[in-house]
């Protein structure tokens, strides 16, 4: 990812928190110069000082066959906001976009064992809706086994984590304040969230 130094995010805890907050991400692979992308919910964890991304494909989605043989890219994006040149002091300016984005590169590994697949499903449940766990536990075993046979669980050990916060750091304090005020009053949730990130920087 192209990251000018002024927009680089380097605080690993902040990056991990962002990934966990925006964990419905895009997994990209490429075979024979043909890219493939799937949008998936990820469980983000740290194991032996390595960031590990865990998820599952529908078995019918054959992209799972590509993740073990190639480096993969997972993009965590959102929030974003259009920035009008009307916010700047000088007329000679152009529109731009503010956003926070993380690119995680790594090596994928399919988890073929059904016990590991159950672990992935249950980790996903505990991440996204703990309250559902009791309902899941009460479901018939044959139903749960059928569900597991319909997926391919996998994990990605991240080898390169790139993060970019483009939040008007290159503008004057007055311009930044003006942008934050406008975005804070937006009816769009993602624009208000950009304003919140700007206030933290």
Protein backbone atom coordinates (compact mmCIF):
# COMPACT_ATOMS: atom_id res chain seq x y z
CA UNK A 1 0.00 0.00 0.00
CA UNK A 2 1.27 3.48 -0.82
CA UNK A 3 1.79 5.18 2.56
CA UNK A 4 3.38 8.63 2.75
CA UNK A 5 5.27 8.89 6.05
CA UNK A 6 2.88 11.48 7.49
CA UNK A 7 -0.06 9.05 7.11
CA UNK A 8 1.69 5.91 8.43
CA UNK A 9 0.10 4.16 11.42
CA UNK A 10 2.64 2.22 13.49
CA UNK A 11 1.01 1.58 16.87
CA UNK A 12 0.29 -2.16 16.73
CA UNK A 13 -2.38 -2.06 19.44
CA UNK A 14 -4.21 0.71 17.60
CA UNK A 15 -3.97 -1.27 14.36
CA UNK A 16 -5.26 -4.46 16.00
CA UNK A 17 -8.13 -2.56 17.62
CA UNK A 18 -9.05 -1.11 14.24
CA UNK A 19 -8.99 -4.55 12.60
CA UNK A 20 -11.19 -5.98 15.35
CA UNK A 21 -13.63 -3.08 15.03
CA UNK A 22 -13.79 -3.45 11.23
CA UNK A 23 -13.33 -7.19 11.00
CA UNK A 24 -15.56 -7.87 7.99
CA UNK A 25 -12.70 -7.71 5.51
CA UNK A 26 -11.75 -8.57 1.93
CA UNK A 27 -9.46 -11.53 1.27
CA UNK A 28 -7.60 -11.36 -2.05
CA UNK A 29 -5.61 -14.06 -3.82
CA UNK A 30 -4.18 -14.24 -7.33
CA UNK A 31 -3.49 -17.26 -9.50
CA UNK A 32 -2.09 -16.97 -13.03
CA UNK A 33 -2.42 -13.20 -12.74
CA UNK A 34 -6.17 -13.45 -12.07
CA UNK A 35 -7.25 -11.90 -8.74
CA UNK A 36 -10.10 -13.31 -6.67
CA UNK A 37 -11.73 -11.63 -3.68
CA UNK A 38 -14.12 -12.80 -0.97
CA UNK A 39 -15.67 -10.74 1.82
CA UNK A 40 -15.43 -12.55 5.16
CA UNK A 41 -15.72 -12.01 8.91
CA UNK A 42 -12.37 -12.50 10.64
CA UNK A 43 -11.34 -13.30 14.18
CA UNK A 44 -8.13 -11.42 14.93
CA UNK A 45 -5.76 -12.75 17.58
CA UNK A 46 -2.09 -12.65 18.56
CA UNK A 47 -0.23 -15.94 18.95
CA UNK A 48 3.48 -16.08 19.79
CA UNK A 49 3.77 -12.39 18.87
CA UNK A 50 2.25 -13.10 15.44
CA UNK A 51 -1.05 -11.65 14.28
CA UNK A 52 -3.34 -14.49 13.18
CA UNK A 53 -6.51 -14.07 11.11
CA UNK A 54 -9.08 -16.86 11.31
CA UNK A 55 -12.19 -17.36 9.20
CA UNK A 56 -13.97 -19.82 6.94
CA UNK A 57 -15.12 -20.12 3.34
CA UNK A 58 -18.25 -21.76 2.06
CA UNK A 59 -16.82 -25.01 0.68
CA UNK A 60 -18.39 -24.24 -2.70
CA UNK A 61 -16.20 -21.12 -2.91
CA UNK A 62 -13.08 -22.55 -4.51
CA UNK A 63 -10.89 -19.64 -3.48
CA UNK A 64 -10.00 -21.74 -0.43
CA UNK A 65 -7.82 -23.86 -2.72
CA UNK A 66 -5.60 -20.84 -3.43
CA UNK A 67 -4.72 -19.63 0.05
CA UNK A 68 -2.06 -22.21 0.94
CA UNK A 69 0.05 -21.88 -2.21
CA UNK A 70 0.21 -18.11 -2.52
CA UNK A 71 0.69 -15.07 -0.37
CA UNK A 72 -2.71 -13.62 0.46
CA UNK A 73 -3.86 -10.08 1.19
CA UNK A 74 -6.65 -9.16 3.59
CA UNK A 75 -7.91 -5.56 3.47
CA UNK A 76 -9.60 -3.99 6.48
CA UNK A 77 -11.25 -0.79 5.31
CA UNK A 78 -13.73 1.75 6.66
CA UNK A 79 -14.39 4.34 7.73
CA UNK A 80 -13.93 6.91 4.97
CA UNK A 81 -15.08 10.45 4.23
CA UNK A 82 -15.07 12.78 1.25
CA UNK A 83 -13.20 15.99 2.06
CA UNK A 84 -14.36 19.04 0.11
CA UNK A 85 -11.81 21.70 -0.89
CA UNK A 86 -14.30 24.16 0.60
CA UNK A 87 -12.83 23.28 4.01
CA UNK A 88 -9.42 24.72 3.08
CA UNK A 89 -8.21 28.28 3.44
CA UNK A 90 -6.86 28.59 -0.09
CA UNK A 91 -9.01 28.32 -3.20
CA UNK A 92 -6.36 26.41 -5.13
CA UNK A 93 -7.12 23.01 -3.65
CA UNK A 94 -8.82 19.83 -4.83
CA UNK A 95 -11.12 17.28 -3.16
CA UNK A 96 -9.63 14.32 -1.35
CA UNK A 97 -10.66 11.45 0.92
CA UNK A 98 -9.88 10.72 4.57
CA UNK A 99 -9.77 7.10 5.71
CA UNK A 100 -8.17 4.43 7.87
CA UNK A 101 -7.12 1.19 6.15
CA UNK A 102 -5.03 -1.86 7.04
CA UNK A 103 -3.46 -4.32 4.60
CA UNK A 104 -2.46 -7.66 6.12
CA UNK A 105 -0.24 -9.91 4.01
CA UNK A 106 0.43 -13.47 5.03
CA UNK A 107 0.44 -17.17 4.42
CA UNK A 108 -2.83 -19.07 4.55
CA UNK A 109 -3.36 -22.55 5.94
CA UNK A 110 -6.48 -24.66 5.53
CA UNK A 111 -7.66 -26.35 8.73
CA UNK A 112 -9.14 -29.63 7.43
CA UNK A 113 -9.76 -31.23 10.80
CA UNK A 114 -13.42 -30.99 11.84
CA UNK A 115 -12.46 -30.24 15.44
CA UNK A 116 -10.48 -27.20 14.29
CA UNK A 117 -13.40 -26.14 12.09
CA UNK A 118 -15.69 -26.28 15.14
CA UNK A 119 -13.16 -24.17 17.04
CA UNK A 120 -13.21 -21.57 14.26
CA UNK A 121 -17.01 -21.48 14.20
CA UNK A 122 -17.23 -21.13 17.94
CA UNK A 123 -14.53 -18.44 18.03
CA UNK A 124 -16.56 -16.57 15.40
CA UNK A 125 -19.73 -16.92 17.47
CA UNK A 126 -17.94 -15.68 20.60
CA UNK A 127 -16.56 -12.71 18.66
CA UNK A 128 -19.76 -11.59 16.97
CA UNK A 129 -22.63 -12.79 19.19
CA UNK A 130 -21.78 -14.55 22.45
CA UNK A 131 -25.47 -14.76 23.28
CA UNK A 132 -25.99 -17.13 20.34
CA UNK A 133 -23.57 -19.68 21.83
CA UNK A 134 -26.22 -21.30 24.05
CA UNK A 135 -28.51 -21.72 21.03
CA UNK A 136 -25.64 -23.19 19.02
CA UNK A 137 -24.84 -25.62 21.84
CA UNK A 138 -28.45 -26.83 21.88
CA UNK A 139 -28.56 -27.63 18.16
CA UNK A 140 -28.52 -31.33 17.15
CA UNK A 141 -25.05 -32.75 16.51
CA UNK A 142 -25.98 -33.98 13.05
CA UNK A 143 -27.07 -30.46 12.09
CA UNK A 144 -23.81 -28.94 13.36
CA UNK A 145 -21.79 -31.62 11.58
CA UNK A 146 -23.62 -30.79 8.35
CA UNK A 147 -22.77 -27.11 8.81
CA UNK A 148 -19.10 -27.93 9.38
CA UNK A 149 -18.97 -30.11 6.26
CA UNK A 150 -20.20 -27.11 4.27
CA UNK A 151 -17.29 -24.87 5.19
CA UNK A 152 -13.52 -24.73 4.93
CA UNK A 153 -11.87 -23.20 7.99
CA UNK A 154 -8.51 -21.50 7.64
CA UNK A 155 -6.05 -19.18 9.30
CA UNK A 156 -3.55 -16.67 8.02
CA UNK A 157 -0.34 -15.87 9.87
CA UNK A 158 0.38 -12.23 9.06
CA UNK A 159 3.90 -11.58 7.79
CA UNK A 160 3.48 -7.91 6.87
CA UNK A 161 1.02 -5.45 8.39
CA UNK A 162 0.63 -2.09 6.67
CA UNK A 163 -1.64 0.62 8.08
CA UNK A 164 -2.57 4.04 6.79
CA UNK A 165 -4.44 6.81 8.56
CA UNK A 166 -5.11 9.62 6.12
CA UNK A 167 -6.79 12.12 8.44
CA UNK A 168 -5.79 15.56 7.14
CA UNK A 169 -2.49 15.50 9.06
CA UNK A 170 -0.99 17.56 6.22
CA UNK A 171 -3.45 20.43 6.73
CA UNK A 172 -3.31 23.36 9.14
CA UNK A 173 -4.84 23.12 12.62
CA UNK A 174 -7.61 25.51 11.59
CA UNK A 175 -8.45 23.41 8.50
CA UNK A 176 -8.36 20.20 10.53
CA UNK A 177 -10.71 21.69 13.13
CA UNK A 178 -13.10 22.81 10.40
CA UNK A 179 -13.13 19.33 8.83
CA UNK A 180 -13.70 17.61 12.18
CA UNK A 181 -16.62 19.90 12.98
CA UNK A 182 -18.31 19.27 9.63
CA UNK A 183 -17.78 15.49 9.76
CA UNK A 184 -18.95 15.32 13.39
CA UNK A 185 -22.30 16.79 12.34
CA UNK A 186 -22.73 14.48 9.33
CA UNK A 187 -25.75 12.19 9.07
CA UNK A 188 -23.42 9.47 7.74
CA UNK A 189 -22.04 7.17 10.43
CA UNK A 190 -18.74 6.53 8.64
CA UNK A 191 -18.05 10.26 8.35
CA UNK A 192 -18.68 10.80 12.06
CA UNK A 193 -16.33 7.90 12.76
CA UNK A 194 -13.60 9.58 10.67
CA UNK A 195 -14.11 12.68 12.81
CA UNK A 196 -13.64 10.57 15.94
CA UNK A 197 -10.35 9.18 14.58
CA UNK A 198 -9.23 12.70 13.72
CA UNK A 199 -9.89 13.80 17.32
CA UNK A 200 -7.58 11.05 18.58
CA UNK A 201 -4.68 12.18 16.40
